[in-house]
Amino acid sequence: PEVANSWQRCRNLNINPYLEPETRV
């Protein structure tokens, strides 16, 4: 359930599943 719920949140946030974004401060 926690994985399924997280995937759904990621889809709602339009996160690209193929890319590695630059998120380092």
PDB file of all heavy atoms in Angstrom:
ATOM      1  N   PRO A   1       0.813  -1.235   0.000  1.00  0.00           N
ATOM      2  CA  PRO A   1       0.000   0.000   0.000  1.00  0.00           C
ATOM      3  C   PRO A   1       0.837   1.271   0.000  1.00  0.00           C
ATOM      4  O   PRO A   1       0.511   2.221  -0.720  1.00  0.00           O
ATOM      5  CB  PRO A   1      -0.816  -0.127   1.293  1.00  0.00           C
ATOM      6  CG  PRO A   1      -0.911  -1.588   1.539  1.00  0.00           C
ATOM      7  CD  PRO A   1       0.396  -2.176   1.060  1.00  0.00           C
ATOM      8  N   GLU A   2       1.926   1.307   0.812  1.00  0.00           N
ATOM      9  CA  GLU A   2       2.713   2.537   0.877  1.00  0.00           C
ATOM     10  C   GLU A   2       3.400   2.831  -0.453  1.00  0.00           C
ATOM     11  O   GLU A   2       3.597   3.993  -0.826  1.00  0.00           O
ATOM     12  CB  GLU A   2       3.749   2.475   2.005  1.00  0.00           C
ATOM     13  CG  GLU A   2       4.740   1.343   1.929  1.00  0.00           C
ATOM     14  CD  GLU A   2       4.286   0.105   2.702  1.00  0.00           C
ATOM     15  OE1 GLU A   2       3.055  -0.090   2.823  1.00  0.00           O
ATOM     16  OE2 GLU A   2       5.156  -0.650   3.168  1.00  0.00           O
ATOM     17  N   VAL A   3       3.773   1.774  -1.197  1.00  0.00           N
ATOM     18  CA  VAL A   3       4.393   1.970  -2.508  1.00  0.00           C
ATOM     19  C   VAL A   3       3.349   2.446  -3.517  1.00  0.00           C
ATOM     20  O   VAL A   3       3.582   3.398  -4.285  1.00  0.00           O
ATOM     21  CB  VAL A   3       5.067   0.673  -2.997  1.00  0.00           C
ATOM     22  CG1 VAL A   3       5.604   0.848  -4.418  1.00  0.00           C
ATOM     23  CG2 VAL A   3       6.177   0.259  -2.049  1.00  0.00           C
ATOM     24  N   ALA A   4       2.204   1.792  -3.531  1.00  0.00           N
ATOM     25  CA  ALA A   4       1.133   2.175  -4.460  1.00  0.00           C
ATOM     26  C   ALA A   4       0.702   3.620  -4.220  1.00  0.00           C
ATOM     27  O   ALA A   4       0.508   4.395  -5.175  1.00  0.00           O
ATOM     28  CB  ALA A   4      -0.050   1.222  -4.305  1.00  0.00           C
ATOM     29  N   ASN A   5       0.541   4.001  -2.957  1.00  0.00           N
ATOM     30  CA  ASN A   5       0.123   5.368  -2.642  1.00  0.00           C
ATOM     31  C   ASN A   5       1.188   6.378  -3.077  1.00  0.00           C
ATOM     32  O   ASN A   5       0.881   7.469  -3.576  1.00  0.00           O
ATOM     33  CB  ASN A   5      -0.128   5.512  -1.145  1.00  0.00           C
ATOM     34  CG  ASN A   5      -1.339   4.726  -0.684  1.00  0.00           C
ATOM     35  OD1 ASN A   5      -2.242   4.446  -1.485  1.00  0.00           O
ATOM     36  ND2 ASN A   5      -1.364   4.355   0.594  1.00  0.00           N
ATOM     37  N   SER A   6       2.461   6.027  -2.878  1.00  0.00           N
ATOM     38  CA  SER A   6       3.539   6.923  -3.262  1.00  0.00           C
ATOM     39  C   SER A   6       3.598   7.102  -4.785  1.00  0.00           C
ATOM     40  O   SER A   6       3.778   8.217  -5.295  1.00  0.00           O
ATOM     41  CB  SER A   6       4.879   6.390  -2.743  1.00  0.00           C
ATOM     42  OG  SER A   6       5.942   7.222  -3.151  1.00  0.00           O
ATOM     43  N   TRP A   7       3.443   6.005  -5.546  1.00  0.00           N
ATOM     44  CA  TRP A   7       3.442   6.107  -7.014  1.00  0.00           C
ATOM     45  C   TRP A   7       2.326   7.040  -7.480  1.00  0.00           C
ATOM     46  O   TRP A   7       2.531   7.850  -8.386  1.00  0.00           O
ATOM     47  CB  TRP A   7       3.251   4.725  -7.633  1.00  0.00           C
ATOM     48  CG  TRP A   7       4.503   3.885  -7.623  1.00  0.00           C
ATOM     49  CD1 TRP A   7       5.677   4.168  -7.020  1.00  0.00           C
ATOM     50  CD2 TRP A   7       4.662   2.609  -8.259  1.00  0.00           C
ATOM     51  NE1 TRP A   7       6.587   3.166  -7.212  1.00  0.00           N
ATOM     52  CE2 TRP A   7       5.998   2.179  -7.985  1.00  0.00           C
ATOM     53  CE3 TRP A   7       3.839   1.765  -9.015  1.00  0.00           C
ATOM     54  CZ2 TRP A   7       6.498   0.967  -8.454  1.00  0.00           C
ATOM     55  CZ3 TRP A   7       4.351   0.563  -9.483  1.00  0.00           C
ATOM     56  CH2 TRP A   7       5.665   0.159  -9.211  1.00  0.00           C
ATOM     57  N   GLN A   8       1.182   6.915  -6.844  1.00  0.00           N
ATOM     58  CA  GLN A   8       0.049   7.761  -7.240  1.00  0.00           C
ATOM     59  C   GLN A   8       0.353   9.231  -6.963  1.00  0.00           C
ATOM     60  O   GLN A   8       0.031  10.108  -7.765  1.00  0.00           O
ATOM     61  CB  GLN A   8      -1.212   7.319  -6.483  1.00  0.00           C
ATOM     62  CG  GLN A   8      -2.496   7.941  -7.031  1.00  0.00           C
ATOM     63  CD  GLN A   8      -2.779   7.536  -8.466  1.00  0.00           C
ATOM     64  OE1 GLN A   8      -2.874   6.351  -8.802  1.00  0.00           O
ATOM     65  NE2 GLN A   8      -2.897   8.523  -9.366  1.00  0.00           N
ATOM     66  N   ARG A   9       1.033   9.508  -5.829  1.00  0.00           N
ATOM     67  CA  ARG A   9       1.398  10.890  -5.523  1.00  0.00           C
ATOM     68  C   ARG A   9       2.395  11.416  -6.557  1.00  0.00           C
ATOM     69  O   ARG A   9       2.326  12.578  -6.975  1.00  0.00           O
ATOM     70  CB  ARG A   9       2.011  10.974  -4.118  1.00  0.00           C
ATOM     71  CG  ARG A   9       1.011  10.799  -3.001  1.00  0.00           C
ATOM     72  CD  ARG A   9       1.601  11.203  -1.632  1.00  0.00           C
ATOM     73  NE  ARG A   9       2.749  10.378  -1.238  1.00  0.00           N
ATOM     74  CZ  ARG A   9       2.659   9.264  -0.517  1.00  0.00           C
ATOM     75  NH1 ARG A   9       1.450   8.813  -0.149  1.00  0.00           N
ATOM     76  NH2 ARG A   9       3.743   8.580  -0.183  1.00  0.00           N
ATOM     77  N   CYS A  10       3.342  10.558  -6.938  1.00  0.00           N
ATOM     78  CA  CYS A  10       4.343  10.968  -7.928  1.00  0.00           C
ATOM     79  C   CYS A  10       3.673  11.297  -9.271  1.00  0.00           C
ATOM     80  O   CYS A  10       4.046  12.282  -9.941  1.00  0.00           O
ATOM     81  CB  CYS A  10       5.376   9.863  -8.134  1.00  0.00           C
ATOM     82  SG  CYS A  10       6.387   9.550  -6.674  1.00  0.00           S
ATOM     83  N   ARG A  11       2.709  10.506  -9.681  1.00  0.00           N
ATOM     84  CA  ARG A  11       1.997  10.762 -10.936  1.00  0.00           C
ATOM     85  C   ARG A  11       1.268  12.103 -10.834  1.00  0.00           C
ATOM     86  O   ARG A  11       1.276  12.903 -11.780  1.00  0.00           O
ATOM     87  CB  ARG A  11       1.031   9.603 -11.226  1.00  0.00           C
ATOM     88  CG  ARG A  11       0.080   9.819 -12.407  1.00  0.00           C
ATOM     89  CD  ARG A  11       0.832  10.054 -13.721  1.00  0.00           C
ATOM     90  NE  ARG A  11       1.716   8.956 -14.068  1.00  0.00           N
ATOM     91  CZ  ARG A  11       1.334   7.861 -14.736  1.00  0.00           C
ATOM     92  NH1 ARG A  11       0.086   7.742 -15.129  1.00  0.00           N
ATOM     93  NH2 ARG A  11       2.217   6.921 -15.014  1.00  0.00           N
ATOM     94  N   ASN A  12       0.641  12.376  -9.690  1.00  0.00           N
ATOM     95  CA  ASN A  12      -0.096  13.632  -9.501  1.00  0.00           C
ATOM     96  C   ASN A  12       0.843  14.836  -9.527  1.00  0.00           C
ATOM     97  O   ASN A  12       0.438  15.948  -9.883  1.00  0.00           O
ATOM     98  CB  ASN A  12      -0.862  13.612  -8.185  1.00  0.00           C
ATOM     99  CG  ASN A  12      -1.968  12.567  -8.175  1.00  0.00           C
ATOM    100  OD1 ASN A  12      -2.447  12.136  -9.250  1.00  0.00           O
ATOM    101  ND2 ASN A  12      -2.391  12.149  -6.987  1.00  0.00           N
ATOM    102  N   LEU A  13       2.123  14.618  -9.142  1.00  0.00           N
ATOM    103  CA  LEU A  13       3.102  15.706  -9.131  1.00  0.00           C
ATOM    104  C   LEU A  13       3.826  15.834 -10.470  1.00  0.00           C
ATOM    105  O   LEU A  13       4.718  16.689 -10.612  1.00  0.00           O
ATOM    106  CB  LEU A  13       4.138  15.457  -8.010  1.00  0.00           C
ATOM    107  CG  LEU A  13       3.616  15.604  -6.573  1.00  0.00           C
ATOM    108  CD1 LEU A  13       4.649  15.074  -5.584  1.00  0.00           C
ATOM    109  CD2 LEU A  13       3.309  17.060  -6.268  1.00  0.00           C
ATOM    110  N   ASN A  14       3.471  14.989 -11.436  1.00  0.00           N
ATOM    111  CA  ASN A  14       4.077  15.015 -12.774  1.00  0.00           C
ATOM    112  C   ASN A  14       5.590  14.806 -12.722  1.00  0.00           C
ATOM    113  O   ASN A  14       6.359  15.454 -13.444  1.00  0.00           O
ATOM    114  CB  ASN A  14       3.759  16.337 -13.488  1.00  0.00           C
ATOM    115  CG  ASN A  14       2.278  16.476 -13.798  1.00  0.00           C
ATOM    116  OD1 ASN A  14       1.630  15.502 -14.202  1.00  0.00           O
ATOM    117  ND2 ASN A  14       1.759  17.676 -13.596  1.00  0.00           N
ATOM    118  N   ILE A  15       6.044  13.917 -11.840  1.00  0.00           N
ATOM    119  CA  ILE A  15       7.469  13.603 -11.766  1.00  0.00           C
ATOM    120  C   ILE A  15       7.838  12.697 -12.933  1.00  0.00           C
ATOM    121  O   ILE A  15       7.173  11.696 -13.202  1.00  0.00           O
ATOM    122  CB  ILE A  15       7.796  12.917 -10.419  1.00  0.00           C
ATOM    123  CG1 ILE A  15       7.540  13.888  -9.253  1.00  0.00           C
ATOM    124  CG2 ILE A  15       9.238  12.426 -10.390  1.00  0.00           C
ATOM    125  CD1 ILE A  15       7.727  13.276  -7.890  1.00  0.00           C
ATOM    126  N   ASN A  16       8.927  13.063 -13.631  1.00  0.00           N
ATOM    127  CA  ASN A  16       9.386  12.267 -14.772  1.00  0.00           C
ATOM    128  C   ASN A  16      10.121  11.035 -14.250  1.00  0.00           C
ATOM    129  O   ASN A  16      11.153  11.145 -13.597  1.00  0.00           O
ATOM    130  CB  ASN A  16      10.325  13.097 -15.645  1.00  0.00           C
ATOM    131  CG  ASN A  16      10.634  12.417 -16.956  1.00  0.00           C
ATOM    132  OD1 ASN A  16      10.728  11.191 -17.047  1.00  0.00           O
ATOM    133  ND2 ASN A  16      10.825  13.219 -17.998  1.00  0.00           N
ATOM    134  N   PRO A  17       9.616   9.819 -14.517  1.00  0.00           N
ATOM    135  CA  PRO A  17      10.232   8.601 -13.966  1.00  0.00           C
ATOM    136  C   PRO A  17      11.535   8.199 -14.638  1.00  0.00           C
ATOM    137  O   PRO A  17      12.219   7.291 -14.165  1.00  0.00           O
ATOM    138  CB  PRO A  17       9.161   7.540 -14.199  1.00  0.00           C
ATOM    139  CG  PRO A  17       8.407   8.014 -15.384  1.00  0.00           C
ATOM    140  CD  PRO A  17       8.408   9.515 -15.302  1.00  0.00           C
ATOM    141  N   TYR A  18      11.907   8.904 -15.715  1.00  0.00           N
ATOM    142  CA  TYR A  18      13.101   8.496 -16.448  1.00  0.00           C
ATOM    143  C   TYR A  18      14.297   9.418 -16.213  1.00  0.00           C
ATOM    144  O   TYR A  18      15.421   9.061 -16.544  1.00  0.00           O
ATOM    145  CB  TYR A  18      12.786   8.447 -17.947  1.00  0.00           C
ATOM    146  CG  TYR A  18      11.727   7.439 -18.300  1.00  0.00           C
ATOM    147  CD1 TYR A  18      10.423   7.850 -18.575  1.00  0.00           C
ATOM    148  CD2 TYR A  18      12.020   6.077 -18.360  1.00  0.00           C
ATOM    149  CE1 TYR A  18       9.431   6.927 -18.896  1.00  0.00           C
ATOM    150  CE2 TYR A  18      11.039   5.148 -18.685  1.00  0.00           C
ATOM    151  CZ  TYR A  18       9.754   5.578 -18.941  1.00  0.00           C
ATOM    152  OH  TYR A  18       8.791   4.662 -19.259  1.00  0.00           O
ATOM    153  N   LEU A  19      14.068  10.574 -15.629  1.00  0.00           N
ATOM    154  CA  LEU A  19      15.135  11.552 -15.491  1.00  0.00           C
ATOM    155  C   LEU A  19      15.643  11.634 -14.051  1.00  0.00           C
ATOM    156  O   LEU A  19      14.931  11.302 -13.081  1.00  0.00           O
ATOM    157  CB  LEU A  19      14.647  12.937 -15.943  1.00  0.00           C
ATOM    158  CG  LEU A  19      14.267  13.077 -17.411  1.00  0.00           C
ATOM    159  CD1 LEU A  19      13.802  14.495 -17.698  1.00  0.00           C
ATOM    160  CD2 LEU A  19      15.462  12.723 -18.302  1.00  0.00           C
ATOM    161  N   GLU A  20      16.878  12.116 -13.899  1.00  0.00           N
ATOM    162  CA  GLU A  20      17.478  12.362 -12.579  1.00  0.00           C
ATOM    163  C   GLU A  20      17.639  13.879 -12.432  1.00  0.00           C
ATOM    164  O   GLU A  20      18.595  14.467 -12.960  1.00  0.00           O
ATOM    165  CB  GLU A  20      18.842  11.682 -12.465  1.00  0.00           C
ATOM    166  CG  GLU A  20      19.552  11.946 -11.143  1.00  0.00           C
ATOM    167  CD  GLU A  20      18.784  11.397  -9.958  1.00  0.00           C
ATOM    168  OE1 GLU A  20      18.251  10.263 -10.061  1.00  0.00           O
ATOM    169  OE2 GLU A  20      18.686  12.099  -8.932  1.00  0.00           O
ATOM    170  N   PRO A  21      16.725  14.561 -11.754  1.00  0.00           N
ATOM    171  CA  PRO A  21      16.796  16.030 -11.658  1.00  0.00           C
ATOM    172  C   PRO A  21      17.970  16.477 -10.770  1.00  0.00           C
ATOM    173  O   PRO A  21      18.420  15.760  -9.880  1.00  0.00           O
ATOM    174  CB  PRO A  21      15.454  16.412 -11.029  1.00  0.00           C
ATOM    175  CG  PRO A  21      15.055  15.200 -10.244  1.00  0.00           C
ATOM    176  CD  PRO A  21      15.565  14.012 -11.023  1.00  0.00           C
ATOM    177  N   GLU A  22      18.462  17.691 -11.005  1.00  0.00           N
ATOM    178  CA  GLU A  22      19.533  18.279 -10.191  1.00  0.00           C
ATOM    179  C   GLU A  22      18.885  18.887  -8.937  1.00  0.00           C
ATOM    180  O   GLU A  22      18.264  19.946  -8.993  1.00  0.00           O
ATOM    181  CB  GLU A  22      20.271  19.357 -10.994  1.00  0.00           C
ATOM    182  CG  GLU A  22      21.384  20.051 -10.218  1.00  0.00           C
ATOM    183  CD  GLU A  22      22.495  19.086  -9.821  1.00  0.00           C
ATOM    184  OE1 GLU A  22      22.869  18.219 -10.644  1.00  0.00           O
ATOM    185  OE2 GLU A  22      22.974  19.189  -8.672  1.00  0.00           O
ATOM    186  N   THR A  23      19.024  18.188  -7.834  1.00  0.00           N
ATOM    187  CA  THR A  23      18.319  18.615  -6.607  1.00  0.00           C
ATOM    188  C   THR A  23      19.279  18.848  -5.447  1.00  0.00           C
ATOM    189  O   THR A  23      18.895  18.784  -4.292  1.00  0.00           O
ATOM    190  CB  THR A  23      17.298  17.534  -6.182  1.00  0.00           C
ATOM    191  OG1 THR A  23      17.995  16.299  -5.975  1.00  0.00           O
ATOM    192  CG2 THR A  23      16.226  17.365  -7.237  1.00  0.00           C
ATOM    193  N   ARG A  24      20.510  19.143  -5.743  1.00  0.00           N
ATOM    194  CA  ARG A  24      21.511  19.311  -4.689  1.00  0.00           C
ATOM    195  C   ARG A  24      21.679  20.791  -4.342  1.00  0.00           C
ATOM    196  O   ARG A  24      21.758  21.634  -5.244  1.00  0.00           O
ATOM    197  CB  ARG A  24      22.843  18.732  -5.159  1.00  0.00           C
ATOM    198  CG  ARG A  24      23.926  18.718  -4.098  1.00  0.00           C
ATOM    199  CD  ARG A  24      25.168  18.043  -4.663  1.00  0.00           C
ATOM    200  NE  ARG A  24      26.243  18.020  -3.688  1.00  0.00           N
ATOM    201  CZ  ARG A  24      27.456  17.521  -3.932  1.00  0.00           C
ATOM    202  NH1 ARG A  24      27.711  16.995  -5.140  1.00  0.00           N
ATOM    203  NH2 ARG A  24      28.382  17.533  -3.013  1.00  0.00           N
ATOM    204  N   VAL A  25      21.722  21.101  -3.032  1.00  0.00           N
ATOM    205  CA  VAL A  25      21.896  22.486  -2.591  1.00  0.00           C
ATOM    206  C   VAL A  25      23.381  22.830  -2.595  1.00  0.00           C
ATOM    207  O   VAL A  25      24.247  21.947  -2.579  1.00  0.00           O
ATOM    208  CB  VAL A  25      21.309  22.708  -1.176  1.00  0.00           C
ATOM    209  CG1 VAL A  25      19.818  22.434  -1.177  1.00  0.00           C
ATOM    210  CG2 VAL A  25      22.020  21.835  -0.149  1.00  0.00           C
TER     211      VAL A  25
END
